[in-house]
Amino acid sequence: MKRLGLFWFGVFVIGLLVLIAIFGPMRYDYGTRVAPPYQPISAQYWLGTDSLGQDIFTRLAYGARVSMLIGLSVMGLALVTGITLGVLAVYGHPWLRAVILRLTDGMFAFPDILLAILIIGVWGTGIVPVIAALAITAWPSIVRLVKTQVATLKDREFVIASEALGAGTWYTVTRHVLPHLTGVLLAVTMVDLSAVILAESALSFLGIGVQPPMPSWGSMIKDARQEMASQPMLLVYPCLVLSLTIIALNFVGDGLRTIFDPKSRSRGS
């Protein structure tokens, strides 16, 4: 299947990125010059050096760690919040369901990136404000997805049988309802993770995300943009890594949806 071929390509790219982030250069002195500027590719400097004499490959590896930290933190917070509120929107008291649904609808009224910029503008710059801002904008879509799926599963035979046998709501939800959402949540998480990484890079590009001298792909693109006429490769490297990461995560998400959705599998074969 073509989709599964793209899925394994995405897995390979993401796996390679994770290996580089974990086992890449362990030492990096932020803002420290390690060589003369604009050194070419060599055995010592795999991608050369930038205008400040910093190793580009090392900065890309540390940028991957920053993206992984922010992306996984944001999605972890969004999943916990989204799953909790999504379940309460189905099993909670009517007044609680109404509050959750109205709050979720209200969050969709604000453009995500503009809301994130507003939160960072009030809170301040840095990794923690970026994580908080992106997490606040990420949970509403999870709530809507979980609420729809749980409402569908609530009337299924195995859920009704569990309740008829005297199982409590907590047991029924955790043992019978949520396990059926694993596949779809995993697929959606991969796609949303790509959006979070792109948003973090956009905020850093605008100068309100991860602050220098800590490396970020967005800030590397911003700095390289000023020299793209004379040193175009300084712009190509972070753009290429960022683009491959986003494409790979989308391929993985689409492949997971194909694997866990028999109807999608039959259409893609």
Protein backbone atom coordinates (compact mmCIF):
# COMPACT_ATOMS: atom_id res chain seq x y z
CA MET A 1 0.00 0.00 0.00
CA LYS A 2 1.24 3.45 -0.96
CA ARG A 3 0.12 4.99 2.33
CA LEU A 4 2.05 2.45 4.37
CA GLY A 5 5.13 3.11 2.25
CA LEU A 6 4.90 6.81 3.14
CA PHE A 7 4.22 5.79 6.74
CA TRP A 8 7.49 3.86 6.98
CA PHE A 9 9.34 6.73 5.31
CA GLY A 10 7.94 9.03 8.00
CA VAL A 11 8.92 6.57 10.74
CA PHE A 12 12.46 6.46 9.35
CA VAL A 13 12.78 10.26 9.23
CA ILE A 14 11.34 10.75 12.72
CA GLY A 15 13.49 7.91 14.10
CA LEU A 16 16.61 9.47 12.57
CA LEU A 17 15.68 12.86 14.01
CA VAL A 18 15.16 11.35 17.48
CA LEU A 19 18.52 9.58 17.30
CA ILE A 20 20.25 12.82 16.31
CA ALA A 21 18.49 14.70 19.12
CA ILE A 22 19.37 12.08 21.75
CA PHE A 23 22.81 10.94 20.66
CA GLY A 24 23.97 14.05 18.81
CA PRO A 25 26.52 16.51 20.17
CA MET A 26 26.18 16.58 23.96
CA ARG A 27 28.09 19.79 24.57
CA TYR A 28 26.99 23.13 23.24
CA ASP A 29 28.05 26.47 24.69
CA TYR A 30 25.28 28.85 23.68
CA GLY A 31 26.64 31.66 21.55
CA THR A 32 30.25 30.47 21.77
CA ARG A 33 32.36 30.68 18.65
CA VAL A 34 34.00 27.31 17.89
CA ALA A 35 35.59 28.09 14.51
CA PRO A 36 36.00 30.88 11.96
CA PRO A 37 32.73 31.94 10.30
CA TYR A 38 31.43 30.25 7.15
CA GLN A 39 33.61 27.18 7.33
CA PRO A 40 32.75 24.64 4.60
CA ILE A 41 31.52 21.11 5.21
CA SER A 42 34.28 18.96 6.71
CA ALA A 43 34.84 15.93 8.91
CA GLN A 44 34.90 18.20 11.97
CA TYR A 45 32.00 20.45 10.97
CA TRP A 46 29.50 18.26 9.13
CA LEU A 47 27.44 21.17 7.82
CA GLY A 48 30.00 23.93 8.23
CA THR A 49 29.71 26.96 10.50
CA ASP A 50 27.47 30.01 10.50
CA SER A 51 28.22 33.74 10.60
CA LEU A 52 29.18 33.52 14.30
CA GLY A 53 31.45 30.52 13.84
CA GLN A 54 28.98 28.10 15.45
CA ASP A 55 28.66 24.51 14.27
CA ILE A 56 25.45 24.29 12.20
CA PHE A 57 24.91 20.55 12.75
CA THR A 58 25.21 20.99 16.51
CA ARG A 59 22.68 23.81 16.45
CA LEU A 60 20.29 21.71 14.37
CA ALA A 61 20.63 18.81 16.84
CA TYR A 62 19.93 21.08 19.80
CA GLY A 63 17.06 22.65 17.86
CA ALA A 64 15.61 19.15 17.48
CA ARG A 65 15.80 18.69 21.25
CA VAL A 66 14.02 21.98 21.80
CA SER A 67 11.30 21.05 19.29
CA MET A 68 10.85 17.59 20.85
CA LEU A 69 10.68 19.04 24.37
CA ILE A 70 8.11 21.67 23.43
CA GLY A 71 6.12 19.42 21.09
CA LEU A 72 5.82 16.47 23.48
CA SER A 73 5.09 18.73 26.46
CA VAL A 74 2.36 20.58 24.59
CA MET A 75 0.74 17.40 23.28
CA GLY A 76 0.95 15.74 26.71
CA LEU A 77 -0.86 18.65 28.34
CA ALA A 78 -3.36 18.88 25.48
CA LEU A 79 -4.15 15.16 25.61
CA VAL A 80 -4.66 15.11 29.38
CA THR A 81 -6.89 18.18 29.24
CA GLY A 82 -8.71 17.15 26.08
CA ILE A 83 -9.43 13.58 27.15
CA THR A 84 -10.61 14.66 30.61
CA LEU A 85 -12.92 17.40 29.33
CA GLY A 86 -14.08 15.27 26.39
CA VAL A 87 -15.18 12.45 28.70
CA LEU A 88 -16.85 14.90 31.11
CA ALA A 89 -18.69 16.45 28.15
CA VAL A 90 -20.45 13.09 27.72
CA TYR A 91 -20.63 11.60 31.23
CA GLY A 92 -20.67 14.78 33.31
CA HIS A 93 -23.63 16.66 34.79
CA PRO A 94 -25.69 18.54 32.17
CA TRP A 95 -24.58 21.96 33.41
CA LEU A 96 -20.93 20.83 33.30
CA ARG A 97 -21.36 19.49 29.78
CA ALA A 98 -22.82 22.80 28.67
CA VAL A 99 -19.93 24.79 30.18
CA ILE A 100 -17.30 22.54 28.57
CA LEU A 101 -18.92 22.66 25.13
CA ARG A 102 -19.42 26.45 25.22
CA LEU A 103 -15.83 26.98 26.40
CA THR A 104 -14.54 24.72 23.63
CA ASP A 105 -16.60 26.53 21.00
CA GLY A 106 -15.34 29.84 22.33
CA MET A 107 -11.72 28.73 22.01
CA PHE A 108 -12.26 27.96 18.33
CA ALA A 109 -13.23 31.60 17.80
CA PHE A 110 -9.62 32.70 18.33
CA PRO A 111 -6.93 31.98 15.69
CA ASP A 112 -4.40 29.67 17.37
CA ILE A 113 -1.22 31.55 16.51
CA LEU A 114 -2.71 34.94 17.43
CA LEU A 115 -3.93 33.60 20.77
CA ALA A 116 -0.48 32.13 21.42
CA ILE A 117 1.14 35.49 20.62
CA LEU A 118 -1.28 37.22 23.01
CA ILE A 119 -0.50 34.77 25.84
CA ILE A 120 3.26 35.10 25.33
CA GLY A 121 2.92 38.88 25.16
CA VAL A 122 1.24 38.88 28.57
CA TRP A 123 3.39 36.13 30.15
CA GLY A 124 6.80 36.80 28.59
CA THR A 125 9.17 34.92 26.31
CA GLY A 126 10.91 31.60 26.98
CA ILE A 127 10.29 27.88 26.70
CA VAL A 128 7.71 27.63 29.52
CA PRO A 129 5.46 30.43 28.15
CA VAL A 130 5.68 28.88 24.66
CA ILE A 131 4.63 25.47 26.01
CA ALA A 132 1.75 27.00 27.99
CA ALA A 133 0.56 29.14 25.07
CA LEU A 134 0.61 26.30 22.55
CA ALA A 135 -1.00 23.86 25.01
CA ILE A 136 -3.86 26.29 25.61
CA THR A 137 -4.51 26.48 21.87
CA ALA A 138 -4.14 22.71 21.29
CA TRP A 139 -6.68 21.14 23.67
CA PRO A 140 -10.02 22.27 22.11
CA SER A 141 -9.66 20.04 19.04
CA ILE A 142 -8.88 17.06 21.30
CA VAL A 143 -11.99 17.77 23.38
CA ARG A 144 -14.21 17.84 20.32
CA LEU A 145 -12.71 14.61 18.94
CA VAL A 146 -12.92 12.73 22.25
CA LYS A 147 -16.45 13.96 22.94
CA THR A 148 -17.66 12.77 19.53
CA GLN A 149 -15.97 9.37 19.83
CA VAL A 150 -17.06 8.76 23.42
CA ALA A 151 -20.66 9.74 22.61
CA THR A 152 -20.63 7.17 19.81
CA LEU A 153 -19.15 4.42 21.98
CA LYS A 154 -21.43 5.16 24.94
CA ASP A 155 -24.35 3.34 23.30
CA ARG A 156 -22.35 0.35 22.07
CA GLU A 157 -23.29 -3.11 23.36
CA PHE A 158 -20.10 -3.75 25.32
CA VAL A 159 -20.47 -0.45 27.21
CA ILE A 160 -24.13 -1.10 28.00
CA ALA A 161 -23.25 -4.64 29.14
CA SER A 162 -20.53 -3.30 31.43
CA GLU A 163 -22.95 -0.85 33.04
CA ALA A 164 -25.62 -3.57 33.33
CA LEU A 165 -23.16 -5.77 35.23
CA GLY A 166 -22.73 -3.02 37.82
CA ALA A 167 -19.46 -1.46 36.64
CA GLY A 168 -18.98 2.16 37.65
CA THR A 169 -18.53 5.01 35.18
CA TRP A 170 -14.79 5.30 35.89
CA TYR A 171 -14.24 1.59 35.25
CA THR A 172 -16.36 1.59 32.10
CA VAL A 173 -14.63 4.65 30.65
CA THR A 174 -11.05 3.57 31.44
CA ARG A 175 -11.44 -0.13 30.59
CA HIS A 176 -13.92 -0.15 27.73
CA VAL A 177 -14.24 3.31 26.15
CA LEU A 178 -10.81 4.96 26.14
CA PRO A 179 -8.90 1.89 24.82
CA HIS A 180 -10.96 2.16 21.64
CA LEU A 181 -9.68 5.72 21.14
CA THR A 182 -5.99 4.80 21.24
CA GLY A 183 -5.57 4.48 17.49
CA VAL A 184 -7.37 7.65 16.47
CA LEU A 185 -5.75 9.69 19.25
CA LEU A 186 -2.30 8.44 18.27
CA ALA A 187 -2.90 9.38 14.64
CA VAL A 188 -4.26 12.82 15.52
CA THR A 189 -1.40 13.41 17.96
CA MET A 190 1.19 12.91 15.21
CA VAL A 191 -0.52 15.46 12.96
CA ASP A 192 -1.05 17.93 15.81
CA LEU A 193 2.58 17.48 16.89
CA SER A 194 3.70 18.68 13.46
CA ALA A 195 1.48 21.74 13.84
CA VAL A 196 2.95 22.46 17.29
CA ILE A 197 6.53 22.22 16.00
CA LEU A 198 5.65 24.53 13.12
CA ALA A 199 3.97 26.99 15.49
CA GLU A 200 7.00 26.97 17.83
CA SER A 201 9.28 27.67 14.87
CA ALA A 202 7.00 30.48 13.73
CA LEU A 203 7.05 32.08 17.18
CA SER A 204 10.84 31.79 17.33
CA PHE A 205 11.08 33.25 13.82
CA LEU A 206 9.05 36.23 15.03
CA GLY A 207 11.42 36.61 17.99
CA ILE A 208 8.88 35.80 20.73
CA GLY A 209 9.52 32.07 21.11
CA VAL A 210 12.72 30.35 22.20
CA GLN A 211 15.21 33.10 22.88
CA PRO A 212 18.84 33.25 21.65
CA PRO A 213 21.43 32.05 22.21
CA MET A 214 19.42 28.81 22.73
CA PRO A 215 19.07 27.35 19.23
CA SER A 216 15.70 26.87 17.56
CA TRP A 217 14.97 26.01 13.96
CA GLY A 218 12.78 29.11 13.69
CA SER A 219 15.46 31.45 15.01
CA MET A 220 18.06 29.79 12.75
CA ILE A 221 15.81 30.50 9.76
CA LYS A 222 15.37 34.09 10.93
CA ASP A 223 19.13 34.65 11.26
CA ALA A 224 19.96 32.91 7.96
CA ARG A 225 17.33 34.92 6.08
CA GLN A 226 19.48 38.01 6.39
CA GLU A 227 22.32 36.29 4.52
CA MET A 228 20.41 34.10 2.07
CA ALA A 229 21.91 35.89 -0.95
CA SER A 230 25.54 35.26 0.03
CA GLN A 231 25.15 32.09 2.15
CA PRO A 232 21.97 30.31 0.97
CA MET A 233 22.85 26.98 2.61
CA LEU A 234 22.50 28.55 6.06
CA LEU A 235 18.81 28.96 5.21
CA VAL A 236 18.42 25.63 3.42
CA TYR A 237 19.55 23.43 6.33
CA PRO A 238 16.99 24.48 9.00
CA CYS A 239 14.20 24.84 6.42
CA LEU A 240 14.91 21.35 5.10
CA VAL A 241 14.99 19.76 8.57
CA LEU A 242 11.79 21.55 9.63
CA SER A 243 9.97 20.62 6.41
CA LEU A 244 11.04 16.97 6.57
CA THR A 245 9.93 16.74 10.20
CA ILE A 246 6.48 18.16 9.49
CA ILE A 247 6.00 16.01 6.37
CA ALA A 248 7.20 12.87 8.17
CA LEU A 249 4.85 13.43 11.14
CA ASN A 250 1.92 13.88 8.77
CA PHE A 251 2.87 10.69 6.91
CA VAL A 252 3.04 8.81 10.22
CA GLY A 253 -0.32 10.20 11.34
CA ASP A 254 -1.97 9.30 8.04
CA GLY A 255 -0.41 5.83 8.16
CA LEU A 256 -1.64 5.23 11.70
CA ARG A 257 -5.13 6.27 10.68
CA THR A 258 -4.94 3.77 7.80
CA ILE A 259 -3.75 1.00 10.12
CA PHE A 260 -6.39 1.56 12.80
CA ASP A 261 -9.28 2.35 10.43
CA PRO A 262 -10.33 -0.69 8.33
CA LYS A 263 -12.47 1.48 6.03
CA SER A 264 -9.52 3.76 5.31
CA ARG A 265 -7.32 0.70 4.71
CA SER A 266 -9.73 -0.70 2.14
CA ARG A 267 -9.94 2.63 0.32
CA GLY A 268 -6.16 2.99 0.19
CA SER A 269 -5.48 -0.54 -1.10
